[in-house]
Amino acid sequence: MKKGMLTQREEELMQALLAQRGITTYQLFDVTQEGKQLPGSTFPWEIESMSGYVVTPTNVYRFWLDWFEGHYTLGEEDGIWREMAIEVPGRDKNEVLQIQQQLRL
């Protein structure tokens, strides 16, 4: 991430990982840098571990982008990747509902 925005490579990686799970319409929400550079970068910090939420038109998922045993992961191996209730901890439920409504347009 650079200045709070995903790099192009991170965006491509997230898109591919989510597409493997059948998720093609989404918005990332409340994304936080986790301070670990991941393999595959062509310049320093091009791909960094990060955590946050994937909001789809109908669901919310928790993720942690990381590297595990030779591949990128969204946190499946340790249970971080999971469907969440609409209420994101520490955030207004209406923020998520508004994102979902925009994604349905």
Protein backbone atom coordinates (compact mmCIF):
# COMPACT_ATOMS: atom_id res chain seq x y z
CA MET A 1 0.00 0.00 0.00
CA LYS A 2 1.15 3.50 -0.73
CA LYS A 3 -0.46 6.43 1.10
CA GLY A 4 -3.45 4.32 2.11
CA MET A 5 -4.10 3.02 -1.43
CA LEU A 6 -3.39 -0.44 -2.78
CA THR A 7 -0.64 -0.67 -5.36
CA GLN A 8 -1.62 -1.90 -8.81
CA ARG A 9 -0.02 -5.28 -8.06
CA GLU A 10 -1.95 -5.59 -4.77
CA GLU A 11 -5.20 -4.76 -6.57
CA GLU A 12 -4.49 -7.41 -9.21
CA LEU A 13 -3.62 -9.96 -6.55
CA MET A 14 -6.76 -9.28 -4.50
CA GLN A 15 -8.90 -9.45 -7.64
CA ALA A 16 -7.43 -12.85 -8.59
CA LEU A 17 -7.74 -14.30 -5.07
CA LEU A 18 -11.33 -13.12 -4.73
CA ALA A 19 -12.25 -14.39 -8.22
CA GLN A 20 -11.05 -17.85 -7.12
CA ARG A 21 -13.79 -17.66 -4.48
CA GLY A 22 -16.42 -16.48 -6.98
CA ILE A 23 -16.29 -12.87 -5.79
CA THR A 24 -16.09 -10.40 -8.67
CA THR A 25 -18.16 -7.48 -7.37
CA TYR A 26 -16.72 -6.08 -4.17
CA GLN A 27 -15.19 -3.15 -2.36
CA LEU A 28 -12.40 -3.38 0.19
CA PHE A 29 -13.22 -1.65 3.46
CA ASP A 30 -11.21 -0.61 6.51
CA VAL A 31 -7.93 -1.94 5.05
CA THR A 32 -4.86 -1.77 7.30
CA GLN A 33 -1.21 -2.28 6.40
CA GLU A 34 0.36 -5.03 8.51
CA GLY A 35 4.03 -4.12 7.98
CA LYS A 36 5.30 -7.24 6.22
CA GLN A 37 6.63 -7.16 2.67
CA LEU A 38 5.46 -10.18 0.67
CA PRO A 39 7.27 -12.10 -2.09
CA GLY A 40 6.68 -11.09 -5.70
CA SER A 41 7.36 -7.37 -5.37
CA THR A 42 9.30 -5.71 -8.17
CA PHE A 43 10.05 -2.72 -5.93
CA PRO A 44 10.14 -2.33 -2.13
CA TRP A 45 6.71 -2.69 -0.50
CA GLU A 46 4.86 -3.26 -3.78
CA ILE A 47 3.04 -6.18 -2.14
CA GLU A 48 2.46 -5.86 1.59
CA SER A 49 0.47 -7.90 4.06
CA MET A 50 -2.81 -6.20 4.87
CA SER A 51 -6.06 -6.92 6.63
CA GLY A 52 -9.58 -5.61 6.36
CA TYR A 53 -12.99 -6.46 4.98
CA VAL A 54 -14.34 -7.45 1.57
CA VAL A 55 -17.84 -6.07 1.11
CA THR A 56 -19.97 -7.70 -1.59
CA PRO A 57 -23.54 -6.80 -2.54
CA THR A 58 -24.80 -9.38 -0.02
CA ASN A 59 -21.98 -10.37 2.35
CA VAL A 60 -19.01 -9.12 4.35
CA TYR A 61 -15.79 -11.11 4.71
CA ARG A 62 -12.76 -10.60 6.95
CA PHE A 63 -9.36 -11.08 5.24
CA TRP A 64 -5.65 -10.93 5.91
CA LEU A 65 -3.50 -10.94 2.76
CA ASP A 66 -0.32 -12.86 3.53
CA TRP A 67 2.13 -15.46 2.23
CA PHE A 68 1.73 -19.05 3.40
CA GLU A 69 3.71 -22.11 2.29
CA GLY A 70 4.60 -20.70 -1.13
CA HIS A 71 1.37 -18.94 -2.06
CA TYR A 72 -0.71 -15.87 -1.31
CA THR A 73 -3.62 -16.31 1.06
CA LEU A 74 -6.55 -14.31 2.38
CA GLY A 75 -6.30 -16.05 5.74
CA GLU A 76 -8.02 -19.36 5.06
CA GLU A 77 -5.34 -21.41 6.82
CA ASP A 78 -5.76 -19.75 10.22
CA GLY A 79 -9.46 -18.92 10.07
CA ILE A 80 -9.16 -15.18 9.47
CA TRP A 81 -10.94 -15.42 6.09
CA ARG A 82 -14.57 -15.81 7.08
CA GLU A 83 -17.99 -14.36 6.50
CA MET A 84 -18.88 -11.71 9.06
CA ALA A 85 -22.07 -10.18 10.35
CA ILE A 86 -22.93 -6.89 8.68
CA GLU A 87 -21.68 -5.04 11.77
CA VAL A 88 -17.96 -4.34 11.29
CA PRO A 89 -16.38 -3.83 14.72
CA GLY A 90 -15.79 -0.16 15.48
CA ARG A 91 -17.66 1.07 12.41
CA ASP A 92 -21.16 2.29 11.66
CA LYS A 93 -23.31 -0.49 10.17
CA ASN A 94 -24.75 2.06 7.75
CA GLU A 95 -21.32 2.50 6.08
CA VAL A 96 -21.35 -1.16 5.06
CA LEU A 97 -25.01 -1.06 4.02
CA GLN A 98 -24.31 1.99 1.84
CA ILE A 99 -21.40 0.21 0.12
CA GLN A 100 -23.59 -2.84 -0.50
CA GLN A 101 -26.33 -0.67 -1.96
CA GLN A 102 -23.84 1.01 -4.33
CA LEU A 103 -22.49 -2.37 -5.42
CA ARG A 104 -26.01 -3.52 -6.35
CA LEU A 105 -26.54 -0.63 -8.79
